[in-house]
PDB file of N, CA and C in Angstrom:
ATOM      1  N   UNK A   1       1.116  -1.166  -0.002  1.00  0.00           N
ATOM      2  CA  UNK A   1       0.290  -0.139  -0.148  1.00  0.00           C
ATOM      3  C   UNK A   1       1.086   1.276  -0.036  1.00  0.00           C
ATOM      4  N   UNK A   2       0.680   2.338  -0.690  1.00  0.00           N
ATOM      5  CA  UNK A   2       1.173   3.301  -0.793  1.00  0.00           C
ATOM      6  C   UNK A   2       1.180   4.262   0.334  1.00  0.00           C
ATOM      7  N   UNK A   3       1.891   4.844   1.066  1.00  0.00           N
ATOM      8  CA  UNK A   3       1.661   6.323   1.536  1.00  0.00           C
ATOM      9  C   UNK A   3       1.363   7.521   0.995  1.00  0.00           C
ATOM     10  N   UNK A   4       0.767   8.316   1.732  1.00  0.00           N
ATOM     11  CA  UNK A   4       0.490   9.148   1.473  1.00  0.00           C
ATOM     12  C   UNK A   4       1.093  10.226   2.031  1.00  0.00           C
ATOM     13  N   UNK A   5       1.807  10.481   2.681  1.00  0.00           N
ATOM     14  CA  UNK A   5       2.764  11.467   3.612  1.00  0.00           C
ATOM     15  C   UNK A   5       3.938  10.904   3.858  1.00  0.00           C
ATOM     16  N   UNK A   6       4.468  10.396   3.144  1.00  0.00           N
ATOM     17  CA  UNK A   6       5.737   9.784   3.754  1.00  0.00           C
ATOM     18  C   UNK A   6       6.842  10.951   3.997  1.00  0.00           C
ATOM     19  N   UNK A   7       7.925  11.131   5.320  1.00  0.00           N
ATOM     20  CA  UNK A   7       8.375  11.654   5.745  1.00  0.00           C
ATOM     21  C   UNK A   7       9.350  12.135   5.062  1.00  0.00           C
ATOM     22  N   UNK A   8      10.868  12.953   5.311  1.00  0.00           N
ATOM     23  CA  UNK A   8      11.697  13.005   4.308  1.00  0.00           C
ATOM     24  C   UNK A   8      12.352  11.887   4.883  1.00  0.00           C
ATOM     25  N   UNK A   9      12.836  11.985   5.987  1.00  0.00           N
ATOM     26  CA  UNK A   9      13.512  10.471   6.352  1.00  0.00           C
ATOM     27  C   UNK A   9      12.953   8.976   5.470  1.00  0.00           C
ATOM     28  N   UNK A  10      12.345   8.807   5.473  1.00  0.00           N
ATOM     29  CA  UNK A  10      11.910   8.185   4.597  1.00  0.00           C
ATOM     30  C   UNK A  10      11.757   8.147   2.593  1.00  0.00           C
ATOM     31  N   UNK A  11      11.395   9.201   2.378  1.00  0.00           N
ATOM     32  CA  UNK A  11      12.329   9.729   1.509  1.00  0.00           C
ATOM     33  C   UNK A  11      13.876   9.344   0.759  1.00  0.00           C
ATOM     34  N   UNK A  12      14.680   9.856   1.230  1.00  0.00           N
ATOM     35  CA  UNK A  12      16.020   9.580   1.715  1.00  0.00           C
ATOM     36  C   UNK A  12      16.469   7.935   1.635  1.00  0.00           C
ATOM     37  N   UNK A  13      15.846   7.428   2.706  1.00  0.00           N
ATOM     38  CA  UNK A  13      15.988   6.223   2.882  1.00  0.00           C
ATOM     39  C   UNK A  13      15.734   5.123   1.298  1.00  0.00           C
ATOM     40  N   UNK A  14      14.549   5.381   0.965  1.00  0.00           N
ATOM     41  CA  UNK A  14      14.353   4.944  -0.401  1.00  0.00           C
ATOM     42  C   UNK A  14      15.265   5.065  -1.133  1.00  0.00           C
ATOM     43  N   UNK A  15      15.072   6.629  -1.599  1.00  0.00           N
ATOM     44  CA  UNK A  15      16.177   7.112  -2.409  1.00  0.00           C
ATOM     45  C   UNK A  15      17.903   5.732  -2.532  1.00  0.00           C
ATOM     46  N   UNK A  16      18.400   6.009  -1.698  1.00  0.00           N
ATOM     47  CA  UNK A  16      19.477   5.261  -0.517  1.00  0.00           C
ATOM     48  C   UNK A  16      19.523   4.457  -1.410  1.00  0.00           C
ATOM     49  N   UNK A  17      18.495   3.669  -0.797  1.00  0.00           N
ATOM     50  CA  UNK A  17      18.645   2.215  -0.864  1.00  0.00           C
ATOM     51  C   UNK A  17      18.065   1.879  -2.539  1.00  0.00           C
ATOM     52  N   UNK A  18      17.742   2.426  -3.203  1.00  0.00           N
ATOM     53  CA  UNK A  18      17.576   2.380  -4.935  1.00  0.00           C
ATOM     54  C   UNK A  18      18.734   3.066  -5.683  1.00  0.00           C
ATOM     55  N   UNK A  19      19.465   3.823  -4.785  1.00  0.00           N
ATOM     56  CA  UNK A  19      20.373   4.313  -5.421  1.00  0.00           C
ATOM     57  C   UNK A  19      21.897   2.831  -5.042  1.00  0.00           C
ATOM     58  N   UNK A  20      21.579   2.041  -4.054  1.00  0.00           N
ATOM     59  CA  UNK A  20      22.505   1.061  -3.732  1.00  0.00           C
ATOM     60  C   UNK A  20      21.882  -0.185  -4.675  1.00  0.00           C
ATOM     61  N   UNK A  21      20.499  -0.423  -5.001  1.00  0.00           N
ATOM     62  CA  UNK A  21      20.503  -1.252  -6.125  1.00  0.00           C
ATOM     63  C   UNK A  21      20.885  -1.156  -7.245  1.00  0.00           C
ATOM     64  N   UNK A  22      20.848   0.135  -7.893  1.00  0.00           N
ATOM     65  CA  UNK A  22      21.293   0.221  -9.060  1.00  0.00           C
ATOM     66  C   UNK A  22      22.697   0.409  -9.422  1.00  0.00           C
ATOM     67  N   UNK A  23      23.725   0.843  -8.018  1.00  0.00           N
ATOM     68  CA  UNK A  23      25.149   0.239  -8.099  1.00  0.00           C
ATOM     69  C   UNK A  23      25.336  -0.953  -8.210  1.00  0.00           C
ATOM     70  N   UNK A  24      24.988  -1.806  -7.722  1.00  0.00           N
ATOM     71  CA  UNK A  24      25.278  -3.214  -7.626  1.00  0.00           C
ATOM     72  C   UNK A  24      24.247  -3.767  -9.001  1.00  0.00           C
ATOM     73  N   UNK A  25      23.361  -3.574  -9.644  1.00  0.00           N
ATOM     74  CA  UNK A  25      23.042  -3.766 -11.155  1.00  0.00           C
ATOM     75  C   UNK A  25      24.266  -3.479 -12.062  1.00  0.00           C
ATOM     76  N   UNK A  26      24.782  -2.363 -11.319  1.00  0.00           N
ATOM     77  CA  UNK A  26      25.321  -1.913 -12.230  1.00  0.00           C
ATOM     78  C   UNK A  26      27.031  -2.701 -12.317  1.00  0.00           C
ATOM     79  N   UNK A  27      27.305  -3.000 -11.546  1.00  0.00           N
ATOM     80  CA  UNK A  27      28.570  -3.810 -10.878  1.00  0.00           C
ATOM     81  C   UNK A  27      28.267  -4.918 -11.750  1.00  0.00           C
ATOM     82  N   UNK A  28      27.079  -5.758 -12.125  1.00  0.00           N
ATOM     83  CA  UNK A  28      26.462  -7.240 -12.539  1.00  0.00           C
ATOM     84  C   UNK A  28      27.015  -6.932 -14.107  1.00  0.00           C
ATOM     85  N   UNK A  29      26.644  -5.702 -14.223  1.00  0.00           N
ATOM     86  CA  UNK A  29      26.772  -6.009 -15.935  1.00  0.00           C
ATOM     87  C   UNK A  29      28.063  -5.446 -16.471  1.00  0.00           C
ATOM     88  N   UNK A  30      28.593  -4.653 -15.701  1.00  0.00           N
ATOM     89  CA  UNK A  30      29.859  -4.620 -15.397  1.00  0.00           C
ATOM     90  C   UNK A  30      31.052  -5.847 -15.824  1.00  0.00           C
ATOM     91  N   UNK A  31      30.389  -6.441 -14.657  1.00  0.00           N
ATOM     92  CA  UNK A  31      31.233  -7.807 -14.387  1.00  0.00           C
ATOM     93  C   UNK A  31      31.251  -9.001 -16.038  1.00  0.00           C
ATOM     94  N   UNK A  32      29.783  -9.127 -16.167  1.00  0.00           N
ATOM     95  CA  UNK A  32      29.232  -9.764 -17.323  1.00  0.00           C
ATOM     96  C   UNK A  32      29.646  -9.047 -18.995  1.00  0.00           C
ATOM     97  N   UNK A  33      30.060  -7.729 -18.705  1.00  0.00           N
ATOM     98  CA  UNK A  33      31.180  -7.216 -19.865  1.00  0.00           C
ATOM     99  C   UNK A  33      32.525  -7.514 -20.005  1.00  0.00           C
ATOM    100  N   UNK A  34      32.866  -7.422 -18.528  1.00  0.00           N
ATOM    101  CA  UNK A  34      34.384  -7.995 -18.466  1.00  0.00           C
ATOM    102  C   UNK A  34      34.336  -9.986 -18.705  1.00  0.00           C
ATOM    103  N   UNK A  35      33.889 -10.462 -18.387  1.00  0.00           N
ATOM    104  CA  UNK A  35      33.676 -12.232 -18.696  1.00  0.00           C
ATOM    105  C   UNK A  35      33.394 -12.182 -20.394  1.00  0.00           C
ATOM    106  N   UNK A  36      32.814 -11.424 -20.449  1.00  0.00           N
ATOM    107  CA  UNK A  36      31.954 -11.704 -22.514  1.00  0.00           C
ATOM    108  C   UNK A  36      33.827 -10.943 -23.607  1.00  0.00           C
ATOM    109  N   UNK A  37      34.204 -10.406 -22.546  1.00  0.00           N
ATOM    110  CA  UNK A  37      35.480  -9.981 -23.348  1.00  0.00           C
ATOM    111  C   UNK A  37      36.155 -11.673 -22.798  1.00  0.00           C
ATOM    112  N   UNK A  38      36.429 -11.289 -21.958  1.00  0.00           N
ATOM    113  CA  UNK A  38      36.992 -12.759 -21.449  1.00  0.00           C
ATOM    114  C   UNK A  38      36.536 -14.226 -22.564  1.00  0.00           C
ATOM    115  N   UNK A  39      35.617 -14.166 -23.063  1.00  0.00           N
ATOM    116  CA  UNK A  39      34.879 -15.028 -24.112  1.00  0.00           C
ATOM    117  C   UNK A  39      34.330 -16.343 -22.983  1.00  0.00           C
ATOM    118  N   UNK A  40      33.866 -15.662 -21.555  1.00  0.00           N
ATOM    119  CA  UNK A  40      33.287 -16.743 -20.670  1.00  0.00           C
ATOM    120  C   UNK A  40      31.948 -15.871 -20.647  1.00  0.00           C
ATOM    121  N   UNK A  41      31.141 -16.654 -20.543  1.00  0.00           N
ATOM    122  CA  UNK A  41      29.338 -16.267 -20.475  1.00  0.00           C
ATOM    123  C   UNK A  41      28.934 -16.038 -19.064  1.00  0.00           C
ATOM    124  N   UNK A  42      28.493 -14.838 -18.742  1.00  0.00           N
ATOM    125  CA  UNK A  42      27.750 -14.483 -17.366  1.00  0.00           C
ATOM    126  C   UNK A  42      26.669 -14.597 -16.759  1.00  0.00           C
ATOM    127  N   UNK A  43      25.896 -14.704 -15.849  1.00  0.00           N
ATOM    128  CA  UNK A  43      24.827 -14.760 -16.355  1.00  0.00           C
ATOM    129  C   UNK A  43      24.573 -13.184 -14.468  1.00  0.00           C
ATOM    130  N   UNK A  44      23.806 -12.765 -15.241  1.00  0.00           N
ATOM    131  CA  UNK A  44      23.281 -11.940 -14.191  1.00  0.00           C
ATOM    132  C   UNK A  44      22.241 -11.204 -13.594  1.00  0.00           C
ATOM    133  N   UNK A  45      21.952 -11.335 -12.284  1.00  0.00           N
ATOM    134  CA  UNK A  45      20.259 -11.683 -11.804  1.00  0.00           C
ATOM    135  C   UNK A  45      19.806 -10.200 -11.918  1.00  0.00           C
ATOM    136  N   UNK A  46      18.758 -10.482 -12.420  1.00  0.00           N
ATOM    137  CA  UNK A  46      17.812  -9.073 -12.502  1.00  0.00           C
ATOM    138  C   UNK A  46      18.007  -8.460 -10.835  1.00  0.00           C
ATOM    139  N   UNK A  47      17.357  -7.054 -11.352  1.00  0.00           N
ATOM    140  CA  UNK A  47      17.601  -6.454  -9.858  1.00  0.00           C
ATOM    141  C   UNK A  47      16.100  -5.367  -9.953  1.00  0.00           C
ATOM    142  N   UNK A  48      15.174  -5.479  -9.032  1.00  0.00           N
ATOM    143  CA  UNK A  48      14.062  -5.147  -9.265  1.00  0.00           C
ATOM    144  C   UNK A  48      14.192  -4.253  -8.872  1.00  0.00           C
ATOM    145  N   UNK A  49      13.411  -2.732 -10.038  1.00  0.00           N
ATOM    146  CA  UNK A  49      13.360  -1.202  -9.745  1.00  0.00           C
ATOM    147  C   UNK A  49      11.977  -1.026  -8.924  1.00  0.00           C
ATOM    148  N   UNK A  50      11.710  -1.198  -8.348  1.00  0.00           N
ATOM    149  CA  UNK A  50      10.122  -1.664  -7.724  1.00  0.00           C
ATOM    150  C   UNK A  50      10.468  -1.186  -6.739  1.00  0.00           C
ATOM    151  N   UNK A  51       9.858   0.295  -6.349  1.00  0.00           N
ATOM    152  CA  UNK A  51      10.103   1.080  -4.674  1.00  0.00           C
ATOM    153  C   UNK A  51       9.781   0.467  -3.690  1.00  0.00           C
ATOM    154  N   UNK A  52       8.169  -0.226  -4.104  1.00  0.00           N
ATOM    155  CA  UNK A  52       7.803  -1.254  -3.161  1.00  0.00           C
ATOM    156  C   UNK A  52       8.106  -2.272  -2.804  1.00  0.00           C
ATOM    157  N   UNK A  53       9.155  -3.269  -3.646  1.00  0.00           N
ATOM    158  CA  UNK A  53      10.170  -4.360  -3.694  1.00  0.00           C
ATOM    159  C   UNK A  53      11.203  -3.831  -2.690  1.00  0.00           C
ATOM    160  N   UNK A  54      11.447  -2.583  -2.742  1.00  0.00           N
ATOM    161  CA  UNK A  54      12.797  -1.748  -1.772  1.00  0.00           C
ATOM    162  C   UNK A  54      12.561  -2.252  -0.650  1.00  0.00           C
ATOM    163  N   UNK A  55      11.055  -1.977  -0.173  1.00  0.00           N
ATOM    164  CA  UNK A  55      10.581  -1.401   1.130  1.00  0.00           C
ATOM    165  C   UNK A  55      10.394  -2.709   1.961  1.00  0.00           C
ATOM    166  N   UNK A  56      10.244  -3.524   1.285  1.00  0.00           N
ATOM    167  CA  UNK A  56       9.583  -4.929   1.976  1.00  0.00           C
ATOM    168  C   UNK A  56      10.411  -5.079   3.223  1.00  0.00           C
TER     169      UNK A  56
END
């Protein structure tokens, strides 16, 4: 359920969590690219971009 009146701490925490997930995803992409350069196939787990998933 979406909250109508989130306080600033909740907003900051959500942004920080989303940023951390984005950095994790970018690291996985970088690793996959490096693996492909080395002719090794890598798999990267998908990262959910849903804010509701971040707050569970």
